[in-house]
Protein backbone atom coordinates (compact mmCIF):
# COMPACT_ATOMS: atom_id res chain seq x y z
CA UNK A 1 -158.79 -125.53 26.09
CA UNK A 2 -160.39 -122.08 26.64
CA UNK A 3 -162.22 -123.50 29.73
CA UNK A 4 -158.91 -124.55 31.39
CA UNK A 5 -157.53 -121.04 30.61
CA UNK A 6 -160.55 -119.17 32.04
CA UNK A 7 -160.39 -121.55 35.20
CA UNK A 8 -156.68 -120.80 35.63
CA UNK A 9 -157.04 -116.88 35.46
CA UNK A 10 -160.72 -116.02 35.78
CA UNK A 11 -161.80 -117.71 39.15
CA UNK A 12 -158.69 -116.51 40.87
CA UNK A 13 -159.49 -112.78 39.76
CA UNK A 14 -163.25 -113.26 40.69
CA UNK A 15 -161.99 -114.56 44.30
CA UNK A 16 -159.42 -111.70 44.56
CA UNK A 17 -162.19 -109.03 43.69
CA UNK A 18 -164.49 -110.66 46.38
CA UNK A 19 -161.78 -110.49 48.93
CA UNK A 20 -161.13 -106.77 48.14
CA UNK A 21 -164.59 -105.85 48.48
CA UNK A 22 -165.06 -107.73 51.72
CA UNK A 23 -162.14 -105.76 53.05
CA UNK A 24 -163.47 -102.52 51.69
CA UNK A 25 -166.92 -103.13 53.51
CA UNK A 26 -165.07 -104.19 56.64
CA UNK A 27 -162.92 -100.88 56.50
CA UNK A 28 -166.17 -98.90 56.02
CA UNK A 29 -167.75 -100.59 59.06
CA UNK A 30 -164.57 -100.16 61.23
CA UNK A 31 -164.50 -96.30 60.17
CA UNK A 32 -168.03 -95.87 61.07
CA UNK A 33 -167.46 -97.52 64.53
CA UNK A 34 -164.12 -95.73 65.37
CA UNK A 35 -164.83 -92.34 64.24
CA UNK A 36 -168.54 -92.33 64.63
CA UNK A 37 -169.37 -91.24 61.24
CA UNK A 38 -171.73 -92.27 58.39
CA UNK A 39 -171.02 -94.76 55.90
CA UNK A 40 -170.78 -92.19 53.05
CA UNK A 41 -167.95 -90.28 54.81
CA UNK A 42 -166.23 -93.63 55.62
CA UNK A 43 -166.15 -94.35 51.93
CA UNK A 44 -164.75 -91.28 51.01
CA UNK A 45 -162.05 -91.57 53.76
CA UNK A 46 -161.36 -94.88 52.23
CA UNK A 47 -160.82 -93.64 48.74
CA UNK A 48 -158.49 -91.04 50.16
CA UNK A 49 -156.45 -93.34 52.31
CA UNK A 50 -156.14 -95.83 49.27
CA UNK A 51 -155.41 -93.26 46.78
CA UNK A 52 -153.12 -90.89 48.54
CA UNK A 53 -151.10 -92.29 51.51
CA UNK A 54 -148.19 -94.26 51.20
CA UNK A 55 -148.56 -96.83 53.80
CA UNK A 56 -152.53 -97.02 53.15
CA UNK A 57 -152.74 -100.82 53.33
CA UNK A 58 -151.49 -101.12 57.00
CA UNK A 59 -153.94 -98.59 58.10
CA UNK A 60 -156.72 -99.90 55.86
CA UNK A 61 -156.10 -103.47 57.12
CA UNK A 62 -156.09 -102.34 60.71
CA UNK A 63 -159.43 -100.59 60.36
CA UNK A 64 -160.86 -103.27 58.45
CA UNK A 65 -159.71 -105.81 61.05
CA UNK A 66 -161.49 -103.70 63.82
CA UNK A 67 -164.67 -103.54 61.69
CA UNK A 68 -164.77 -107.13 61.04
CA UNK A 69 -164.42 -108.09 64.70
CA UNK A 70 -166.50 -105.42 66.33
CA UNK A 71 -168.87 -104.62 63.49
CA UNK A 72 -169.59 -107.94 62.15
CA UNK A 73 -168.87 -109.87 65.48
CA UNK A 74 -166.25 -112.22 63.87
CA UNK A 75 -163.65 -113.83 65.84
CA UNK A 76 -160.17 -112.46 65.77
CA UNK A 77 -158.69 -115.32 63.52
CA UNK A 78 -161.48 -114.85 61.07
CA UNK A 79 -160.85 -110.99 60.91
CA UNK A 80 -157.06 -111.69 60.51
CA UNK A 81 -157.99 -114.17 57.61
CA UNK A 82 -159.91 -111.61 55.71
CA UNK A 83 -157.52 -108.51 56.53
CA UNK A 84 -154.04 -109.99 56.52
CA UNK A 85 -154.14 -112.95 54.06
CA UNK A 86 -150.64 -112.04 52.91
CA UNK A 87 -149.26 -111.77 56.23
CA UNK A 88 -150.62 -115.32 57.16
CA UNK A 89 -149.29 -116.55 53.82
CA UNK A 90 -145.76 -115.16 54.56
CA UNK A 91 -145.76 -116.96 58.00
CA UNK A 92 -147.08 -120.35 56.55
CA UNK A 93 -144.50 -120.33 53.81
CA UNK A 94 -141.65 -119.27 56.13
CA UNK A 95 -142.64 -121.91 58.62
CA UNK A 96 -142.62 -124.48 55.86
CA UNK A 97 -139.32 -123.42 55.09
CA UNK A 98 -137.99 -123.75 58.50
CA UNK A 99 -139.59 -127.35 58.80
CA UNK A 100 -137.79 -128.11 55.58
CA UNK A 101 -134.55 -127.01 56.70
CA UNK A 102 -134.78 -128.94 60.09
CA UNK A 103 -135.79 -131.96 58.33
CA UNK A 104 -132.91 -131.74 56.10
CA UNK A 105 -130.52 -131.20 58.93
CA UNK A 106 -131.89 -134.03 60.75
CA UNK A 107 -131.61 -136.52 57.80
CA UNK A 108 -127.76 -135.28 57.27
CA UNK A 109 -128.49 -133.66 54.15
CA UNK A 110 -126.90 -130.21 53.14
CA UNK A 111 -129.44 -127.49 53.96
CA UNK A 112 -127.77 -124.92 51.42
């Protein structure tokens, strides 16, 4: 039973940590390219942005997207999957809700 508990909580946490580390490295790469600075100063800027700014995730995601596209030579959709997973999930979930509502309406069932 403990194995199933670890599979349910441990593996998603490891995957989330890997995602955050990849996003952080992409931010550092993007900051180096955008501002022409070294990696140490880029890490310092990343720490300041994440700790002190209110809308840091929007800024950090945009810089990480730039770093993944132009620093790592990824396609735009690969960089978007890395940097905006919540936004993509929101569109998928919203789209499935629209499809369900259209299906219910087409079959004559009550949407609400």
